[in-house]
Amino acid sequence: MPRTEFRIIPPFNFDLSIKFCERTKFDVLDRNDKYCLKRFTKIDNTPVFIEIGCGGTADKPVGLAKWSYPEGGQIDENRISATAGKILSADIDLKPFYRKLDQSAKLK
């Protein structure tokens, strides 16, 4: 399977993020040696099987994606990266949220 990396805005907790991705019985989370989210999706009307993982640390995360086309076809690697990032909400900057929490005496 081809693979690519994609940008994730730190800080990022992969375990917590993929819990929100498990919406249905069809979203399979492989907790074995690879620890990745596996999902079928369509990109540009082409069915794609995608495995999404994360490397690095919470402060320097790196998104990892592998994919295959069950029915054949070609999709630009950037579209795969964008879709994987969208599934994980990897482009959301949580720093303002954490700064606000840090200011609250009740939440410390």
C-alpha atoms as a PDB file:
ATOM      1  CA  MET A   1       0.000   0.000   0.000  1.00  0.00           C
ATOM      2  CA  PRO A   2       1.273   3.494  -0.746  1.00  0.00           C
ATOM      3  CA  ARG A   3       1.862   5.701   2.276  1.00  0.00           C
ATOM      4  CA  THR A   4       2.212   9.376   3.037  1.00  0.00           C
ATOM      5  CA  GLU A   5       2.599  11.753   5.960  1.00  0.00           C
ATOM      6  CA  PHE A   6       0.371  14.718   6.738  1.00  0.00           C
ATOM      7  CA  ARG A   7       0.525  17.718   9.043  1.00  0.00           C
ATOM      8  CA  ILE A   8      -1.151  17.686  12.455  1.00  0.00           C
ATOM      9  CA  ILE A   9      -1.366  20.856  14.539  1.00  0.00           C
ATOM     10  CA  PRO A  10       0.092  20.191  18.020  1.00  0.00           C
ATOM     11  CA  PRO A  11      -0.719  19.449  20.765  1.00  0.00           C
ATOM     12  CA  PHE A  12      -2.446  16.297  19.552  1.00  0.00           C
ATOM     13  CA  ASN A  13      -3.675  13.220  21.417  1.00  0.00           C
ATOM     14  CA  PHE A  14      -4.145  10.472  18.818  1.00  0.00           C
ATOM     15  CA  ASP A  15      -5.859   8.064  21.251  1.00  0.00           C
ATOM     16  CA  LEU A  16      -8.459  10.633  22.235  1.00  0.00           C
ATOM     17  CA  SER A  17      -9.004  11.823  18.670  1.00  0.00           C
ATOM     18  CA  ILE A  18      -9.702   8.392  17.243  1.00  0.00           C
ATOM     19  CA  LYS A  19     -12.261   7.678  19.968  1.00  0.00           C
ATOM     20  CA  PHE A  20     -14.368  10.394  18.349  1.00  0.00           C
ATOM     21  CA  CYS A  21     -13.841   8.788  14.934  1.00  0.00           C
ATOM     22  CA  GLU A  22     -15.439   5.486  15.966  1.00  0.00           C
ATOM     23  CA  ARG A  23     -18.999   6.455  15.103  1.00  0.00           C
ATOM     24  CA  THR A  24     -20.317   3.213  13.670  1.00  0.00           C
ATOM     25  CA  LYS A  25     -19.613  -0.502  13.667  1.00  0.00           C
ATOM     26  CA  PHE A  26     -17.905   0.019  10.300  1.00  0.00           C
ATOM     27  CA  ASP A  27     -15.139   2.201  11.765  1.00  0.00           C
ATOM     28  CA  VAL A  28     -12.547  -0.350  12.806  1.00  0.00           C
ATOM     29  CA  LEU A  29      -9.811   0.564  15.240  1.00  0.00           C
ATOM     30  CA  ASP A  30      -6.860  -1.808  15.025  1.00  0.00           C
ATOM     31  CA  ARG A  31      -5.220  -1.775  18.454  1.00  0.00           C
ATOM     32  CA  ASN A  32      -2.623  -4.386  17.558  1.00  0.00           C
ATOM     33  CA  ASP A  33       0.957  -3.548  16.635  1.00  0.00           C
ATOM     34  CA  LYS A  34       0.127  -0.697  14.224  1.00  0.00           C
ATOM     35  CA  TYR A  35      -2.634   1.053  16.219  1.00  0.00           C
ATOM     36  CA  CYS A  36      -4.506   2.785  13.436  1.00  0.00           C
ATOM     37  CA  LEU A  37      -7.996   3.748  12.355  1.00  0.00           C
ATOM     38  CA  LYS A  38      -9.208   1.872   9.289  1.00  0.00           C
ATOM     39  CA  ARG A  39     -12.011   3.274   7.182  1.00  0.00           C
ATOM     40  CA  PHE A  40     -13.565   3.025   3.745  1.00  0.00           C
ATOM     41  CA  THR A  41     -14.378   6.374   2.184  1.00  0.00           C
ATOM     42  CA  LYS A  42     -14.862   7.945  -1.225  1.00  0.00           C
ATOM     43  CA  ILE A  43     -12.489  10.518  -2.630  1.00  0.00           C
ATOM     44  CA  ASP A  44     -13.447  12.056  -5.979  1.00  0.00           C
ATOM     45  CA  ASN A  45     -16.033   9.271  -6.441  1.00  0.00           C
ATOM     46  CA  THR A  46     -13.354   6.586  -6.030  1.00  0.00           C
ATOM     47  CA  PRO A  47     -13.779   4.093  -3.152  1.00  0.00           C
ATOM     48  CA  VAL A  48     -10.658   4.128  -0.972  1.00  0.00           C
ATOM     49  CA  PHE A  49      -9.596   1.998   1.985  1.00  0.00           C
ATOM     50  CA  ILE A  50      -7.491   4.181   4.269  1.00  0.00           C
ATOM     51  CA  GLU A  51      -5.451   3.382   7.393  1.00  0.00           C
ATOM     52  CA  ILE A  52      -4.685   6.418   9.535  1.00  0.00           C
ATOM     53  CA  GLY A  53      -2.026   6.428  12.225  1.00  0.00           C
ATOM     54  CA  CYS A  54       0.120   8.904  14.101  1.00  0.00           C
ATOM     55  CA  GLY A  55       3.829   9.085  14.778  1.00  0.00           C
ATOM     56  CA  GLY A  56       5.936  11.497  16.752  1.00  0.00           C
ATOM     57  CA  THR A  57       4.862  12.941  20.090  1.00  0.00           C
ATOM     58  CA  ALA A  58       1.919  15.020  21.331  1.00  0.00           C
ATOM     59  CA  ASP A  59       4.048  18.144  20.823  1.00  0.00           C
ATOM     60  CA  LYS A  60       5.424  17.080  17.416  1.00  0.00           C
ATOM     61  CA  PRO A  61       2.826  14.775  15.849  1.00  0.00           C
ATOM     62  CA  VAL A  62       3.072  13.369  12.338  1.00  0.00           C
ATOM     63  CA  GLY A  63       0.004  11.961  10.619  1.00  0.00           C
ATOM     64  CA  LEU A  64       0.500   8.721   8.710  1.00  0.00           C
ATOM     65  CA  ALA A  65      -1.819   7.376   6.026  1.00  0.00           C
ATOM     66  CA  LYS A  66      -1.774   4.218   3.900  1.00  0.00           C
ATOM     67  CA  TRP A  67      -4.404   3.516   1.286  1.00  0.00           C
ATOM     68  CA  SER A  68      -5.589   1.185  -1.431  1.00  0.00           C
ATOM     69  CA  TYR A  69      -8.226   1.271  -4.143  1.00  0.00           C
ATOM     70  CA  PRO A  70     -10.430  -1.834  -4.065  1.00  0.00           C
ATOM     71  CA  GLU A  71     -11.824  -1.013  -7.520  1.00  0.00           C
ATOM     72  CA  GLY A  72      -8.654   0.459  -8.994  1.00  0.00           C
ATOM     73  CA  GLY A  73      -8.148   4.093  -9.845  1.00  0.00           C
ATOM     74  CA  GLN A  74      -5.754   6.894  -9.008  1.00  0.00           C
ATOM     75  CA  ILE A  75      -6.014   9.664  -6.440  1.00  0.00           C
ATOM     76  CA  ASP A  76      -3.568  12.458  -5.740  1.00  0.00           C
ATOM     77  CA  GLU A  77      -1.544  11.913  -2.564  1.00  0.00           C
ATOM     78  CA  ASN A  78      -2.504  15.401  -1.362  1.00  0.00           C
ATOM     79  CA  ARG A  79      -6.203  14.419  -1.467  1.00  0.00           C
ATOM     80  CA  ILE A  80      -5.423  11.350   0.668  1.00  0.00           C
ATOM     81  CA  SER A  81      -3.533  13.506   3.187  1.00  0.00           C
ATOM     82  CA  ALA A  82      -6.327  16.083   3.293  1.00  0.00           C
ATOM     83  CA  THR A  83      -8.983  13.404   3.836  1.00  0.00           C
ATOM     84  CA  ALA A  84      -6.981  11.678   6.583  1.00  0.00           C
ATOM     85  CA  GLY A  85      -6.417  15.016   8.309  1.00  0.00           C
ATOM     86  CA  LYS A  86     -10.108  15.868   8.047  1.00  0.00           C
ATOM     87  CA  ILE A  87     -11.132  12.528   9.573  1.00  0.00           C
ATOM     88  CA  LEU A  88      -8.860  13.205  12.579  1.00  0.00           C
ATOM     89  CA  SER A  89      -9.661  16.953  12.726  1.00  0.00           C
ATOM     90  CA  ALA A  90      -5.888  17.398  12.584  1.00  0.00           C
ATOM     91  CA  ASP A  91      -6.130  21.010  11.405  1.00  0.00           C
ATOM     92  CA  ILE A  92      -7.837  22.324  14.541  1.00  0.00           C
ATOM     93  CA  ASP A  93      -5.564  24.470  16.700  1.00  0.00           C
ATOM     94  CA  LEU A  94      -6.391  23.688  20.341  1.00  0.00           C
ATOM     95  CA  LYS A  95      -3.800  26.029  21.874  1.00  0.00           C
ATOM     96  CA  PRO A  96      -6.326  28.856  22.527  1.00  0.00           C
ATOM     97  CA  PHE A  97      -8.612  26.339  24.242  1.00  0.00           C
ATOM     98  CA  TYR A  98      -5.789  25.082  26.492  1.00  0.00           C
ATOM     99  CA  ARG A  99      -4.723  28.651  27.310  1.00  0.00           C
ATOM    100  CA  LYS A 100      -8.292  29.450  28.386  1.00  0.00           C
ATOM    101  CA  LEU A 101      -8.402  26.320  30.547  1.00  0.00           C
ATOM    102  CA  ASP A 102      -5.112  27.306  32.132  1.00  0.00           C
ATOM    103  CA  GLN A 103      -6.643  30.630  33.220  1.00  0.00           C
ATOM    104  CA  SER A 104      -9.544  28.971  35.031  1.00  0.00           C
ATOM    105  CA  ALA A 105      -9.017  28.344  38.741  1.00  0.00           C
ATOM    106  CA  LYS A 106     -11.877  25.818  38.784  1.00  0.00           C
ATOM    107  CA  LEU A 107     -10.281  23.653  36.115  1.00  0.00           C
ATOM    108  CA  LYS A 108      -6.727  23.603  37.476  1.00  0.00           C
END
